[in-house]
Amino acid sequence: MTQHTDLPSELLPTTVREFFATHVVRDADTASSFLTEDAVVVDQDETFRGREEVHAFLRDAGSEFEYTTEQIGAHRVDDAHWVVTVRLEGTFPGGIAELDYRFALRDDLIAELVIANHPA
């Protein structure tokens, strides 16, 4: 059964919460430790496969911009799927973006992460 409710951060799975906390401060080494070896990340139609390739993406993504990240929503889809919605504000084109981070977990690690624009 799908359950769509806004959750405070502390009710997210530890893996999602800790990944996100390290990702926001651009700590790619620690963020990568929450991934499966065969993790897949899709960001704006680009796909990164495997922990090494995803680590490079996490290290480099958005590094040319200054921005802040604020969690504005979260919900549980099912036991293995969670969505965290964030608002970015910064020096990138457009200056403001709302993104959904869609997590798929396997064995308490992130097997897949899809980053996409939050529907208006």
N, C-alpha and C. Protein backbone atom coordinates (compact mmCIF):
# COMPACT_ATOMS: atom_id res chain seq x y z
N MET A 1 0.84 -1.18 0.00
CA MET A 1 0.00 0.00 0.00
C MET A 1 0.89 1.25 0.00
N THR A 2 0.56 2.19 -0.86
CA THR A 2 1.32 3.43 -0.94
C THR A 2 0.81 4.41 0.11
N GLN A 3 1.76 5.01 0.80
CA GLN A 3 1.41 5.96 1.84
C GLN A 3 2.14 7.27 1.55
N HIS A 4 1.41 8.30 1.19
CA HIS A 4 2.00 9.60 0.88
C HIS A 4 1.68 10.56 2.01
N THR A 5 2.64 10.76 2.87
CA THR A 5 2.46 11.70 3.96
C THR A 5 3.74 12.49 4.12
N ASP A 6 3.61 13.73 4.50
CA ASP A 6 4.80 14.52 4.79
C ASP A 6 5.38 14.05 6.11
N LEU A 7 6.66 13.78 6.10
CA LEU A 7 7.35 13.28 7.28
C LEU A 7 8.44 14.24 7.70
N PRO A 8 8.65 14.39 8.99
CA PRO A 8 9.85 15.12 9.43
C PRO A 8 11.08 14.28 9.15
N SER A 9 12.22 14.91 9.00
CA SER A 9 13.47 14.22 8.67
C SER A 9 13.75 13.04 9.59
N GLU A 10 13.48 13.21 10.88
CA GLU A 10 13.84 12.16 11.82
C GLU A 10 13.06 10.85 11.61
N LEU A 11 11.98 10.88 10.82
CA LEU A 11 11.23 9.67 10.55
C LEU A 11 11.64 8.98 9.24
N LEU A 12 12.56 9.58 8.53
CA LEU A 12 13.12 8.93 7.34
C LEU A 12 14.04 7.80 7.77
N PRO A 13 14.24 6.79 6.92
CA PRO A 13 15.22 5.76 7.26
C PRO A 13 16.59 6.39 7.51
N THR A 14 17.34 5.82 8.43
CA THR A 14 18.66 6.35 8.79
C THR A 14 19.55 6.51 7.56
N THR A 15 19.53 5.53 6.66
CA THR A 15 20.36 5.60 5.46
C THR A 15 20.03 6.83 4.62
N VAL A 16 18.76 7.10 4.41
CA VAL A 16 18.33 8.26 3.61
C VAL A 16 18.73 9.54 4.33
N ARG A 17 18.44 9.61 5.60
CA ARG A 17 18.73 10.81 6.39
C ARG A 17 20.22 11.12 6.41
N GLU A 18 21.04 10.10 6.66
CA GLU A 18 22.49 10.33 6.74
C GLU A 18 23.11 10.59 5.38
N PHE A 19 22.64 9.89 4.34
CA PHE A 19 23.11 10.20 2.99
C PHE A 19 22.83 11.66 2.67
N PHE A 20 21.60 12.06 2.90
CA PHE A 20 21.21 13.42 2.53
C PHE A 20 22.02 14.46 3.31
N ALA A 21 22.22 14.22 4.59
CA ALA A 21 22.99 15.16 5.42
C ALA A 21 24.42 15.31 4.90
N THR A 22 25.04 14.22 4.47
CA THR A 22 26.41 14.31 3.97
C THR A 22 26.45 14.86 2.54
N HIS A 23 25.42 14.55 1.77
CA HIS A 23 25.35 15.08 0.40
C HIS A 23 25.20 16.60 0.41
N VAL A 24 24.38 17.12 1.30
CA VAL A 24 24.13 18.57 1.38
C VAL A 24 25.41 19.33 1.69
N VAL A 25 26.29 18.76 2.51
CA VAL A 25 27.55 19.43 2.84
C VAL A 25 28.67 19.03 1.89
N ARG A 26 28.29 18.33 0.81
CA ARG A 26 29.20 17.94 -0.27
C ARG A 26 30.33 17.03 0.19
N ASP A 27 30.00 16.10 1.10
CA ASP A 27 30.94 15.09 1.55
C ASP A 27 30.69 13.82 0.75
N ALA A 28 31.23 13.78 -0.46
CA ALA A 28 30.99 12.67 -1.38
C ALA A 28 31.52 11.34 -0.85
N ASP A 29 32.62 11.37 -0.11
CA ASP A 29 33.17 10.12 0.42
C ASP A 29 32.19 9.46 1.38
N THR A 30 31.68 10.22 2.33
CA THR A 30 30.73 9.65 3.29
C THR A 30 29.40 9.32 2.62
N ALA A 31 28.92 10.21 1.75
CA ALA A 31 27.65 9.95 1.05
C ALA A 31 27.73 8.65 0.26
N SER A 32 28.85 8.38 -0.37
CA SER A 32 29.02 7.16 -1.16
C SER A 32 28.98 5.90 -0.31
N SER A 33 29.30 6.02 0.96
CA SER A 33 29.29 4.84 1.83
C SER A 33 27.87 4.31 2.07
N PHE A 34 26.86 5.07 1.73
CA PHE A 34 25.47 4.65 1.91
C PHE A 34 24.89 4.01 0.65
N LEU A 35 25.74 3.77 -0.36
CA LEU A 35 25.30 3.21 -1.64
C LEU A 35 25.66 1.74 -1.76
N THR A 36 24.84 0.99 -2.49
CA THR A 36 25.22 -0.38 -2.86
C THR A 36 26.36 -0.28 -3.89
N GLU A 37 27.09 -1.36 -4.05
CA GLU A 37 28.19 -1.37 -5.04
C GLU A 37 27.66 -1.12 -6.45
N ASP A 38 26.44 -1.57 -6.74
CA ASP A 38 25.87 -1.42 -8.08
C ASP A 38 24.84 -0.29 -8.15
N ALA A 39 24.97 0.67 -7.27
CA ALA A 39 24.01 1.78 -7.22
C ALA A 39 23.88 2.49 -8.56
N VAL A 40 22.67 3.01 -8.81
CA VAL A 40 22.39 3.78 -10.01
C VAL A 40 21.81 5.12 -9.55
N VAL A 41 22.36 6.20 -10.10
CA VAL A 41 21.83 7.54 -9.85
C VAL A 41 21.46 8.16 -11.19
N VAL A 42 20.25 8.69 -11.25
CA VAL A 42 19.80 9.40 -12.44
C VAL A 42 19.55 10.84 -12.02
N ASP A 43 20.20 11.77 -12.69
CA ASP A 43 20.04 13.20 -12.39
C ASP A 43 19.80 13.93 -13.71
N GLN A 44 18.61 14.50 -13.85
CA GLN A 44 18.28 15.27 -15.05
C GLN A 44 18.64 14.51 -16.32
N ASP A 45 18.23 13.27 -16.41
CA ASP A 45 18.41 12.41 -17.58
C ASP A 45 19.83 11.91 -17.81
N GLU A 46 20.74 12.12 -16.87
CA GLU A 46 22.07 11.52 -16.94
C GLU A 46 22.09 10.37 -15.95
N THR A 47 22.67 9.23 -16.35
CA THR A 47 22.70 8.06 -15.49
C THR A 47 24.14 7.73 -15.11
N PHE A 48 24.34 7.47 -13.83
CA PHE A 48 25.64 7.10 -13.28
C PHE A 48 25.49 5.73 -12.63
N ARG A 49 26.38 4.79 -12.96
CA ARG A 49 26.25 3.41 -12.50
C ARG A 49 27.48 2.97 -11.71
N GLY A 50 27.22 2.33 -10.59
CA GLY A 50 28.31 1.81 -9.76
C GLY A 50 28.81 2.86 -8.78
N ARG A 51 29.30 2.38 -7.66
CA ARG A 51 29.71 3.29 -6.58
C ARG A 51 30.77 4.29 -7.03
N GLU A 52 31.73 3.85 -7.84
CA GLU A 52 32.82 4.75 -8.28
C GLU A 52 32.29 5.89 -9.15
N GLU A 53 31.46 5.56 -10.12
CA GLU A 53 30.91 6.59 -11.02
C GLU A 53 29.96 7.52 -10.25
N VAL A 54 29.16 6.96 -9.36
CA VAL A 54 28.25 7.78 -8.56
C VAL A 54 29.04 8.68 -7.63
N HIS A 55 30.13 8.17 -7.06
CA HIS A 55 30.98 9.00 -6.19
C HIS A 55 31.48 10.22 -6.96
N ALA A 56 31.95 10.03 -8.18
CA ALA A 56 32.43 11.16 -8.99
C ALA A 56 31.30 12.16 -9.23
N PHE A 57 30.10 11.67 -9.51
CA PHE A 57 28.95 12.56 -9.68
C PHE A 57 28.69 13.34 -8.40
N LEU A 58 28.65 12.66 -7.26
CA LEU A 58 28.38 13.34 -5.99
C LEU A 58 29.44 14.38 -5.67
N ARG A 59 30.68 14.09 -6.02
CA ARG A 59 31.79 15.00 -5.76
C ARG A 59 31.70 16.26 -6.64
N ASP A 60 31.28 16.07 -7.90
CA ASP A 60 31.38 17.16 -8.87
C ASP A 60 30.07 17.91 -9.14
N ALA A 61 28.94 17.30 -8.89
CA ALA A 61 27.64 17.91 -9.25
C ALA A 61 27.44 19.25 -8.56
N GLY A 62 27.20 20.25 -9.37
CA GLY A 62 26.90 21.58 -8.84
C GLY A 62 28.08 22.31 -8.24
N SER A 63 29.29 21.77 -8.38
CA SER A 63 30.45 22.38 -7.73
C SER A 63 30.79 23.76 -8.28
N GLU A 64 30.28 24.07 -9.46
CA GLU A 64 30.57 25.39 -10.03
C GLU A 64 29.63 26.48 -9.51
N PHE A 65 28.67 26.09 -8.65
CA PHE A 65 27.69 27.04 -8.13
C PHE A 65 27.73 27.08 -6.61
N GLU A 66 27.27 28.20 -6.09
CA GLU A 66 27.03 28.34 -4.65
C GLU A 66 25.53 28.21 -4.47
N TYR A 67 25.09 27.40 -3.50
CA TYR A 67 23.66 27.26 -3.27
C TYR A 67 23.38 26.70 -1.88
N THR A 68 22.16 26.92 -1.44
CA THR A 68 21.69 26.36 -0.18
C THR A 68 20.64 25.30 -0.50
N THR A 69 20.50 24.35 0.41
CA THR A 69 19.55 23.26 0.25
C THR A 69 18.68 23.19 1.48
N GLU A 70 17.37 23.16 1.27
CA GLU A 70 16.42 23.05 2.38
C GLU A 70 15.42 21.94 2.07
N GLN A 71 15.27 21.01 3.01
CA GLN A 71 14.26 19.97 2.84
C GLN A 71 12.89 20.60 3.07
N ILE A 72 11.98 20.44 2.09
CA ILE A 72 10.65 21.03 2.22
C ILE A 72 9.55 19.97 2.26
N GLY A 73 9.93 18.70 2.13
CA GLY A 73 8.94 17.64 2.20
C GLY A 73 9.60 16.28 2.14
N ALA A 74 8.86 15.27 2.57
CA ALA A 74 9.33 13.89 2.49
C ALA A 74 8.13 12.98 2.64
N HIS A 75 8.20 11.85 1.97
CA HIS A 75 7.15 10.86 2.18
C HIS A 75 7.64 9.45 1.86
N ARG A 76 6.93 8.51 2.46
CA ARG A 76 7.19 7.09 2.27
C ARG A 76 6.28 6.60 1.15
N VAL A 77 6.85 5.93 0.17
CA VAL A 77 6.06 5.30 -0.88
C VAL A 77 5.71 3.89 -0.43
N ASP A 78 6.75 3.13 -0.01
CA ASP A 78 6.58 1.82 0.61
C ASP A 78 7.86 1.57 1.41
N ASP A 79 8.04 0.37 1.94
CA ASP A 79 9.18 0.13 2.83
C ASP A 79 10.54 0.38 2.17
N ALA A 80 10.62 0.26 0.86
CA ALA A 80 11.90 0.41 0.17
C ALA A 80 12.03 1.71 -0.61
N HIS A 81 10.97 2.49 -0.70
CA HIS A 81 10.98 3.69 -1.55
C HIS A 81 10.54 4.92 -0.76
N TRP A 82 11.37 5.95 -0.85
CA TRP A 82 11.15 7.18 -0.10
C TRP A 82 11.46 8.36 -1.01
N VAL A 83 10.77 9.48 -0.78
CA VAL A 83 10.99 10.69 -1.58
C VAL A 83 11.27 11.85 -0.63
N VAL A 84 12.35 12.57 -0.91
CA VAL A 84 12.68 13.78 -0.16
C VAL A 84 12.65 14.92 -1.17
N THR A 85 11.87 15.96 -0.85
CA THR A 85 11.76 17.13 -1.73
C THR A 85 12.59 18.25 -1.12
N VAL A 86 13.43 18.87 -1.96
CA VAL A 86 14.30 19.94 -1.49
C VAL A 86 14.13 21.18 -2.36
N ARG A 87 14.46 22.29 -1.75
CA ARG A 87 14.47 23.58 -2.45
C ARG A 87 15.91 24.06 -2.45
N LEU A 88 16.42 24.31 -3.66
CA LEU A 88 17.77 24.87 -3.83
C LEU A 88 17.65 26.33 -4.21
N GLU A 89 18.48 27.15 -3.61
CA GLU A 89 18.57 28.57 -3.99
C GLU A 89 20.04 28.90 -4.14
N GLY A 90 20.39 29.53 -5.29
CA GLY A 90 21.80 29.83 -5.48
C GLY A 90 22.11 30.51 -6.79
N THR A 91 23.37 30.36 -7.19
CA THR A 91 23.90 31.08 -8.34
C THR A 91 23.76 30.32 -9.65
N PHE A 92 23.03 29.22 -9.66
CA PHE A 92 22.81 28.44 -10.88
C PHE A 92 21.72 29.13 -11.72
N PRO A 93 21.63 28.81 -13.02
CA PRO A 93 20.60 29.43 -13.87
C PRO A 93 19.20 29.23 -13.28
N GLY A 94 18.45 30.31 -13.19
CA GLY A 94 17.11 30.27 -12.61
C GLY A 94 17.09 30.60 -11.13
N GLY A 95 18.19 30.30 -10.42
CA GLY A 95 18.35 30.70 -9.03
C GLY A 95 17.58 29.91 -7.99
N ILE A 96 16.47 29.27 -8.38
CA ILE A 96 15.66 28.48 -7.45
C ILE A 96 15.20 27.21 -8.16
N ALA A 97 15.27 26.10 -7.45
CA ALA A 97 14.77 24.83 -8.00
C ALA A 97 14.21 23.99 -6.87
N GLU A 98 13.13 23.28 -7.16
CA GLU A 98 12.60 22.30 -6.23
C GLU A 98 12.77 20.93 -6.88
N LEU A 99 13.44 20.03 -6.15
CA LEU A 99 13.79 18.72 -6.69
C LEU A 99 13.28 17.61 -5.78
N ASP A 100 12.89 16.50 -6.39
CA ASP A 100 12.57 15.29 -5.65
C ASP A 100 13.76 14.35 -5.74
N TYR A 101 14.18 13.85 -4.60
CA TYR A 101 15.19 12.80 -4.51
C TYR A 101 14.43 11.53 -4.20
N ARG A 102 14.32 10.64 -5.19
CA ARG A 102 13.55 9.40 -5.05
C ARG A 102 14.51 8.25 -4.77
N PHE A 103 14.45 7.75 -3.55
CA PHE A 103 15.36 6.70 -3.08
C PHE A 103 14.72 5.33 -3.18
N ALA A 104 15.50 4.35 -3.65
CA ALA A 104 15.13 2.94 -3.58
C ALA A 104 16.20 2.24 -2.74
N LEU A 105 15.77 1.62 -1.65
CA LEU A 105 16.71 0.98 -0.72
C LEU A 105 16.74 -0.52 -0.93
N ARG A 106 17.92 -1.10 -0.68
CA ARG A 106 18.10 -2.54 -0.67
C ARG A 106 19.11 -2.87 0.42
N ASP A 107 18.71 -3.74 1.33
CA ASP A 107 19.59 -4.12 2.44
C ASP A 107 20.13 -2.90 3.19
N ASP A 108 19.26 -1.95 3.46
CA ASP A 108 19.60 -0.73 4.20
C ASP A 108 20.63 0.16 3.51
N LEU A 109 20.80 -0.01 2.21
CA LEU A 109 21.66 0.87 1.42
C LEU A 109 20.86 1.42 0.25
N ILE A 110 21.36 2.49 -0.35
CA ILE A 110 20.68 3.10 -1.50
C ILE A 110 21.10 2.38 -2.76
N ALA A 111 20.12 1.73 -3.40
CA ALA A 111 20.38 1.01 -4.65
C ALA A 111 20.12 1.90 -5.85
N GLU A 112 19.18 2.85 -5.69
CA GLU A 112 18.86 3.75 -6.79
C GLU A 112 18.42 5.10 -6.22
N LEU A 113 18.83 6.15 -6.91
CA LEU A 113 18.43 7.50 -6.56
C LEU A 113 18.10 8.22 -7.87
N VAL A 114 16.89 8.72 -7.97
CA VAL A 114 16.48 9.51 -9.13
C VAL A 114 16.23 10.93 -8.62
N ILE A 115 16.93 11.88 -9.23
CA ILE A 115 16.80 13.30 -8.87
C ILE A 115 16.08 13.98 -10.04
N ALA A 116 14.92 14.55 -9.76
CA ALA A 116 14.11 15.15 -10.84
C ALA A 116 13.38 16.38 -10.31
N ASN A 117 12.97 17.21 -11.24
CA ASN A 117 12.19 18.40 -10.85
C ASN A 117 10.93 17.96 -10.12
N HIS A 118 10.62 18.69 -9.06
CA HIS A 118 9.39 18.43 -8.31
C HIS A 118 8.22 18.93 -9.14
N PRO A 119 7.17 18.10 -9.31
CA PRO A 119 6.04 18.56 -10.10
C PRO A 119 5.39 19.80 -9.49
N ALA A 120 5.03 20.73 -10.34
CA ALA A 120 4.42 21.98 -9.85
C ALA A 120 3.03 21.74 -9.31
